[in-house]
Amino acid sequence: MTKFTVAYIDESESDIRRFQRFSYSYFNVLPILPLPDIKETIKLIIDSNIDAVIADFDLSEQNAQIHFDGTDLVRAVLKKREGFPVFILTSFEDDAINKGDDVNIVYEKKELDEGNNFLDRVKSQIEKYKHQLEVNEARIIELLQENQKRKLDAFEKQELKELDSKIEKALDKESQIPNSLRDEKESNELAELLKAVDQLANNLKNKQ
């Protein structure tokens, strides 16, 4: 069975150890103490090749140098990688829900004392995310192979561009090529787009 790696971000080392004990049979846990600069913390997370992010909500409770919380952190992760599995654990559920963008990613820390439902949810989200990337990648490869046999029609070219965009958003949203440039690029030289998509597929394989 695949054992995914999740980043657990908490300013409390004792809470990190508690989460590691709770989830050791499900996940490899990469513990991350938040840095005063949220950008440095995000870089640490993104560069760690993890499968999901689980963040404590109140990251400043035991560290006055931290001026952001778990909702800020997951929002920044999603700004770079759209759809990436992110979760917030909190003892202050109402505060986290009110400040966050998605009520469905907020869980109370008491879940850690009530069985494996939370871990099952995290694992399910990771599998769903990876499956969708694989489906998109397979369709891109199918279209690339078809392009070797014949000229793609307008619908297929549009589908290829949309799939390319989805994968770029999932891997690095901030460096995504604007759709207007895609259209220009496609009208000028479809082969270049296909070459770029092919490289993206290879990058995706390397990241998984």
Foldseek 3Di string as FASTA:
>chain_A
DDAFEEEEEAQDPVVVVLVCVLCVVRHHYHYDYDDLDLVVVLVVRLVPLGLEYEYEFPRCPPPVSHDHGQQVNVVVNCLFAPLGHYAYEYCCLVVCCVPHDDSVRYDYPCVSVVDCPVVVVSVVSSVVVVVVLVVLLVLLVVLLVVVVVDPDDPVSLVSNVVSLQNLNNRSTVVPGDDVVVVVVCCVVDVVVVSVVSVVSSVVVVVSD
